[in-house]
C-alpha cells in the first residue's frame, strides 16, 4: 500500500471513529489503529461491513508481550578487532530457570492482541492493536463472530501468551500439550522451558522431568563487520566485473 493510500486510510479512520481509536499512525506505509477492548467488536464490524472500508478478510491474529520492550541484552558501547563485547545476562529475556523466573507484576499495557486486516475491495491493509486491561488475566473479546477464521489464531494466542478471548467457542491449547504449565511466548517464561522429555527404558514410557541438559546463557552473535577491508574487497570485485 502506498503512502498516499495509507494516509488516506488513517484520515478516514479518524473521521469515522474519532476518539474511539486511541491512536492511529502510519509508518512506512502501514497503518495501525489502537482501541480499547470494549470498542473492538463494534469497530471491527464496521470495518468489515461499511463500504468505505470493507475489510472482508482477517489475515492473522497474534499475541504480544511487551514486557522488557526496548531493553537490550548486548553491551555494544565498545568494540574490538574481534567484534562486539559479549551479551550480558538479562532477566527480561528468558535467561533463567523455571524456579528462578521473575515475579513480574504491575506492568501497564503488557499484553496486546494484534489483528491484521485486508480489504480485497480497496486493496488496503490495516493493523488493529488491542491492549488487555488486566495483566494478571489478560482478556479481549473474540472476533470469531465477525471473522470465523480467527478461531485457530485466537487459540494459538491463548496457548502461547495466555490471552483469554472472551466469547470464543472453543478456547483451549492448540500447540502445547494438555498438561503444559505456563505460556511459552511470555517474556517471563524461561527460554529453556520448565521440563524436558525423555524415554525411560525401565518404565517403558515417556517421562517429564526438570530441565537439566540445557543451561540458560546468552550466545554471542555472528557480527558482519563493516570495515575498510570489506569495502576494498567489494570495490575490487566491482572493478573486475566491469573489466570482464
Protein backbone atom coordinates (compact mmCIF):
# COMPACT_ATOMS: atom_id res chain seq x y z
CA UNK A 1 0.00 0.00 0.00
CA UNK A 2 1.40 3.39 -1.00
CA UNK A 3 1.99 6.19 1.50
CA UNK A 4 -0.83 8.19 -0.09
CA UNK A 5 -3.29 5.31 0.35
CA UNK A 6 -2.14 4.72 3.92
CA UNK A 7 -2.50 8.37 4.88
CA UNK A 8 -5.93 8.46 3.28
CA UNK A 9 -6.98 5.39 5.27
CA UNK A 10 -5.71 6.92 8.52
CA UNK A 11 -7.67 10.10 7.86
CA UNK A 12 -10.84 8.14 7.12
CA UNK A 13 -10.46 6.11 10.31
CA UNK A 14 -10.10 9.25 12.42
CA UNK A 15 -13.07 10.88 10.68
CA UNK A 16 -15.28 7.81 11.14
CA UNK A 17 -14.36 6.60 14.63
CA UNK A 18 -12.90 9.69 16.29
CA UNK A 19 -11.85 9.23 19.92
CA UNK A 20 -12.93 5.59 19.86
CA UNK A 21 -9.48 4.93 18.38
CA UNK A 22 -6.90 5.91 20.97
CA UNK A 23 -4.14 6.05 18.36
CA UNK A 24 -3.87 5.97 14.57
CA UNK A 25 -0.49 6.15 12.88
CA UNK A 26 1.09 5.35 9.53
CA UNK A 27 4.70 4.18 9.47
CA UNK A 28 6.41 3.00 6.27
CA UNK A 29 3.08 2.77 4.50
CA UNK A 30 1.49 0.61 7.21
CA UNK A 31 -1.48 1.93 9.18
CA UNK A 32 -2.04 0.87 12.78
CA UNK A 33 -5.06 1.73 14.93
CA UNK A 34 -5.29 1.13 18.67
CA UNK A 35 -8.54 0.81 20.60
CA UNK A 36 -9.95 -0.43 23.89
CA UNK A 37 -11.29 -3.99 24.26
CA UNK A 38 -14.81 -2.66 24.92
CA UNK A 39 -14.89 -1.00 21.48
CA UNK A 40 -13.35 -3.83 19.47
CA UNK A 41 -16.47 -5.66 18.27
CA UNK A 42 -18.33 -2.55 17.16
CA UNK A 43 -15.32 -1.12 15.31
CA UNK A 44 -14.41 -4.47 13.74
CA UNK A 45 -17.97 -4.96 12.48
CA UNK A 46 -17.97 -1.50 10.92
CA UNK A 47 -14.60 -2.10 9.30
CA UNK A 48 -15.91 -5.30 7.74
CA UNK A 49 -19.33 -4.10 6.60
CA UNK A 50 -19.12 -0.42 5.72
CA UNK A 51 -18.47 0.30 2.05
CA UNK A 52 -15.80 2.86 2.84
CA UNK A 53 -13.61 0.19 4.46
CA UNK A 54 -14.73 -3.35 3.51
CA UNK A 55 -12.04 -5.29 5.38
CA UNK A 56 -13.54 -8.64 4.44
CA UNK A 57 -10.54 -10.77 5.33
CA UNK A 58 -8.76 -11.33 8.62
CA UNK A 59 -5.20 -12.33 7.74
CA UNK A 60 -3.84 -13.01 11.23
CA UNK A 61 -4.34 -12.60 14.96
CA UNK A 62 -1.33 -12.73 17.23
CA UNK A 63 -0.48 -12.02 20.84
CA UNK A 64 2.30 -9.71 22.01
CA UNK A 65 4.03 -9.48 25.38
CA UNK A 66 5.62 -6.04 25.77
CA UNK A 67 7.46 -6.94 28.97
CA UNK A 68 11.04 -5.73 28.54
CA UNK A 69 10.15 -3.86 25.35
CA UNK A 70 13.08 -1.68 24.30
CA UNK A 71 15.55 -3.39 26.62
CA UNK A 72 18.74 -4.89 25.22
CA UNK A 73 21.00 -7.70 26.42
CA UNK A 74 24.02 -6.59 24.45
CA UNK A 75 26.80 -4.29 25.55
CA UNK A 76 27.73 -2.68 22.22
CA UNK A 77 29.29 0.53 23.55
CA UNK A 78 32.75 -0.89 22.95
CA UNK A 79 34.15 -2.81 20.02
CA UNK A 80 37.46 -4.55 19.39
CA UNK A 81 39.20 -6.07 16.44
CA UNK A 82 37.39 -9.34 17.05
CA UNK A 83 33.86 -7.96 17.29
CA UNK A 84 31.42 -6.59 19.82
CA UNK A 85 31.55 -7.38 23.52
CA UNK A 86 29.59 -10.32 24.86
CA UNK A 87 25.96 -10.22 25.79
CA UNK A 88 25.04 -9.76 29.42
CA UNK A 89 22.52 -11.83 31.34
CA UNK A 90 19.08 -10.26 31.26
CA UNK A 91 16.10 -11.09 33.45
CA UNK A 92 13.54 -9.85 30.94
CA UNK A 93 14.56 -12.10 28.04
CA UNK A 94 14.08 -15.59 29.45
CA UNK A 95 17.67 -16.26 30.63
CA UNK A 96 16.61 -18.00 33.83
CA UNK A 97 15.33 -21.32 35.07
CA UNK A 98 11.68 -22.00 35.84
CA UNK A 99 12.30 -21.98 39.61
CA UNK A 100 14.10 -18.60 39.35
CA UNK A 101 11.67 -16.91 36.97
CA UNK A 102 10.99 -13.26 37.85
CA UNK A 103 7.80 -12.28 39.63
CA UNK A 104 6.53 -9.61 37.28
CA UNK A 105 3.50 -7.59 38.32
CA UNK A 106 2.12 -4.16 37.70
CA UNK A 107 3.30 -3.79 34.09
CA UNK A 108 0.87 -1.46 32.27
CA UNK A 109 -0.18 -2.36 28.73
CA UNK A 110 1.83 -5.54 28.80
CA UNK A 111 -0.32 -7.85 26.68
CA UNK A 112 -1.90 -6.97 23.37
CA UNK A 113 -3.86 -8.79 20.69
CA UNK A 114 -2.96 -7.64 17.18
CA UNK A 115 -5.19 -8.23 14.15
CA UNK A 116 -4.14 -7.79 10.52
CA UNK A 117 -6.99 -6.98 8.14
CA UNK A 118 -7.14 -6.99 4.35
CA UNK A 119 -9.66 -5.22 2.13
CA UNK A 120 -9.89 -7.05 -1.18
CA UNK A 121 -12.32 -4.41 -2.43
CA UNK A 122 -9.98 -1.47 -1.87
CA UNK A 123 -6.62 -3.31 -1.82
CA UNK A 124 -5.76 -1.96 1.64
CA UNK A 125 -4.34 -3.40 4.83
CA UNK A 126 -4.90 -2.34 8.43
CA UNK A 127 -3.44 -3.40 11.75
CA UNK A 128 -5.64 -3.28 14.87
CA UNK A 129 -3.99 -3.41 18.29
CA UNK A 130 -5.98 -4.02 21.46
CA UNK A 131 -4.25 -3.90 24.86
CA UNK A 132 -5.65 -6.11 27.61
CA UNK A 133 -6.64 -4.06 30.63
CA UNK A 134 -5.65 -6.63 33.26
CA UNK A 135 -2.14 -8.07 33.25
CA UNK A 136 -3.00 -10.85 35.70
CA UNK A 137 -5.86 -12.05 33.48
CA UNK A 138 -5.37 -10.55 30.01
CA UNK A 139 -8.71 -10.64 28.23
CA UNK A 140 -10.03 -9.23 24.95
CA UNK A 141 -13.21 -10.01 23.00
CA UNK A 142 -13.14 -12.78 20.43
CA UNK A 143 -13.72 -11.72 16.81
CA UNK A 144 -14.74 -15.21 15.67
CA UNK A 145 -18.31 -13.94 15.24
CA UNK A 146 -17.06 -11.37 12.74
CA UNK A 147 -14.29 -13.33 11.04
CA UNK A 148 -14.67 -17.09 11.75
CA UNK A 149 -11.08 -17.70 10.61
CA UNK A 150 -9.97 -16.14 13.91
CA UNK A 151 -10.81 -19.40 15.71
CA UNK A 152 -7.41 -21.08 15.47
CA UNK A 153 -5.48 -17.80 15.56
CA UNK A 154 -7.02 -16.90 18.91
CA UNK A 155 -6.38 -20.38 20.27
CA UNK A 156 -2.72 -20.01 19.34
CA UNK A 157 -2.50 -16.63 21.06
CA UNK A 158 -4.20 -18.08 24.15
CA UNK A 159 -1.84 -21.05 24.20
CA UNK A 160 1.41 -19.14 23.75
CA UNK A 161 0.61 -15.88 25.58
CA UNK A 162 -2.28 -16.72 27.89
CA UNK A 163 -4.56 -14.07 26.40
CA UNK A 164 -8.19 -15.05 27.02
CA UNK A 165 -10.56 -14.34 24.13
CA UNK A 166 -13.97 -13.77 25.66
CA UNK A 167 -16.72 -15.38 23.61
CA UNK A 168 -14.50 -17.84 21.78
CA UNK A 169 -16.47 -21.04 21.07
CA UNK A 170 -13.70 -23.50 21.98
CA UNK A 171 -10.74 -21.78 23.67
CA UNK A 172 -8.13 -24.42 24.50
CA UNK A 173 -4.48 -25.09 23.77
CA UNK A 174 -3.54 -25.83 20.19
CA UNK A 175 0.28 -26.22 20.08
CA UNK A 176 1.42 -27.31 23.54
CA UNK A 177 0.44 -30.43 25.45
CA UNK A 178 -2.75 -30.51 27.53
CA UNK A 179 -0.75 -30.67 30.76
CA UNK A 180 1.67 -27.90 29.78
CA UNK A 181 2.35 -25.39 32.56
CA UNK A 182 2.65 -21.72 31.60
CA UNK A 183 2.66 -19.91 28.29
CA UNK A 184 5.95 -20.30 26.38
CA UNK A 185 5.98 -16.99 24.45
CA UNK A 186 5.66 -14.85 27.56
CA UNK A 187 8.81 -12.92 28.40
CA UNK A 188 8.82 -14.28 31.96
CA UNK A 189 8.88 -17.86 30.67
CA UNK A 190 12.40 -19.39 30.51
CA UNK A 191 13.77 -19.97 27.02
CA UNK A 192 14.93 -23.44 28.02
CA UNK A 193 11.43 -24.35 29.19
CA UNK A 194 10.46 -25.84 32.53
CA UNK A 195 10.53 -29.57 31.77
CA UNK A 196 12.23 -31.89 29.31
CA UNK A 197 11.01 -35.17 27.90
CA UNK A 198 12.86 -38.45 27.62
CA UNK A 199 12.06 -42.11 27.23
CA UNK A 200 12.68 -44.22 30.34
CA UNK A 201 13.56 -47.79 29.30
CA UNK A 202 12.86 -49.14 32.79
CA UNK A 203 9.39 -47.63 33.00
CA UNK A 204 8.92 -48.15 29.26
CA UNK A 205 7.25 -44.81 28.78
CA UNK A 206 7.97 -41.15 28.16
CA UNK A 207 8.54 -39.14 31.33
CA UNK A 208 8.71 -35.43 32.11
CA UNK A 209 11.40 -34.06 34.41
CA UNK A 210 13.00 -30.68 35.23
CA UNK A 211 15.40 -29.33 32.62
CA UNK A 212 18.98 -30.36 33.39
CA UNK A 213 20.64 -30.73 29.99
CA UNK A 214 20.36 -27.06 28.98
CA UNK A 215 21.93 -24.10 30.78
CA UNK A 216 20.44 -20.59 30.40
CA UNK A 217 23.01 -18.42 28.65
CA UNK A 218 23.39 -15.51 26.28
CA UNK A 219 25.01 -16.50 23.00
CA UNK A 220 27.49 -14.39 21.09
CA UNK A 221 26.07 -13.43 17.70
CA UNK A 222 27.97 -13.59 14.47
CA UNK A 223 28.75 -10.00 13.56
CA UNK A 224 29.25 -8.89 9.96
CA UNK A 225 31.86 -6.20 10.25
CA UNK A 226 31.77 -3.11 8.06
CA UNK A 227 35.44 -2.14 7.86
CA UNK A 228 37.94 -0.94 5.28
CA UNK A 229 38.99 -4.44 4.21
CA UNK A 230 35.46 -5.40 3.20
CA UNK A 231 34.89 -2.11 1.41
CA UNK A 232 38.12 -2.59 -0.55
CA UNK A 233 37.17 -6.17 -1.46
CA UNK A 234 33.79 -5.06 -2.80
CA UNK A 235 35.41 -2.27 -4.81
CA UNK A 236 37.90 -4.68 -6.37
CA UNK A 237 35.15 -7.18 -7.18
CA UNK A 238 33.14 -4.43 -8.90
CA UNK A 239 36.18 -3.37 -10.95
CA UNK A 240 36.81 -6.96 -12.05
CA UNK A 241 33.17 -7.37 -13.08
CA UNK A 242 33.28 -4.22 -15.21
CA UNK A 243 36.56 -5.30 -16.86
CA UNK A 244 35.13 -8.69 -17.75
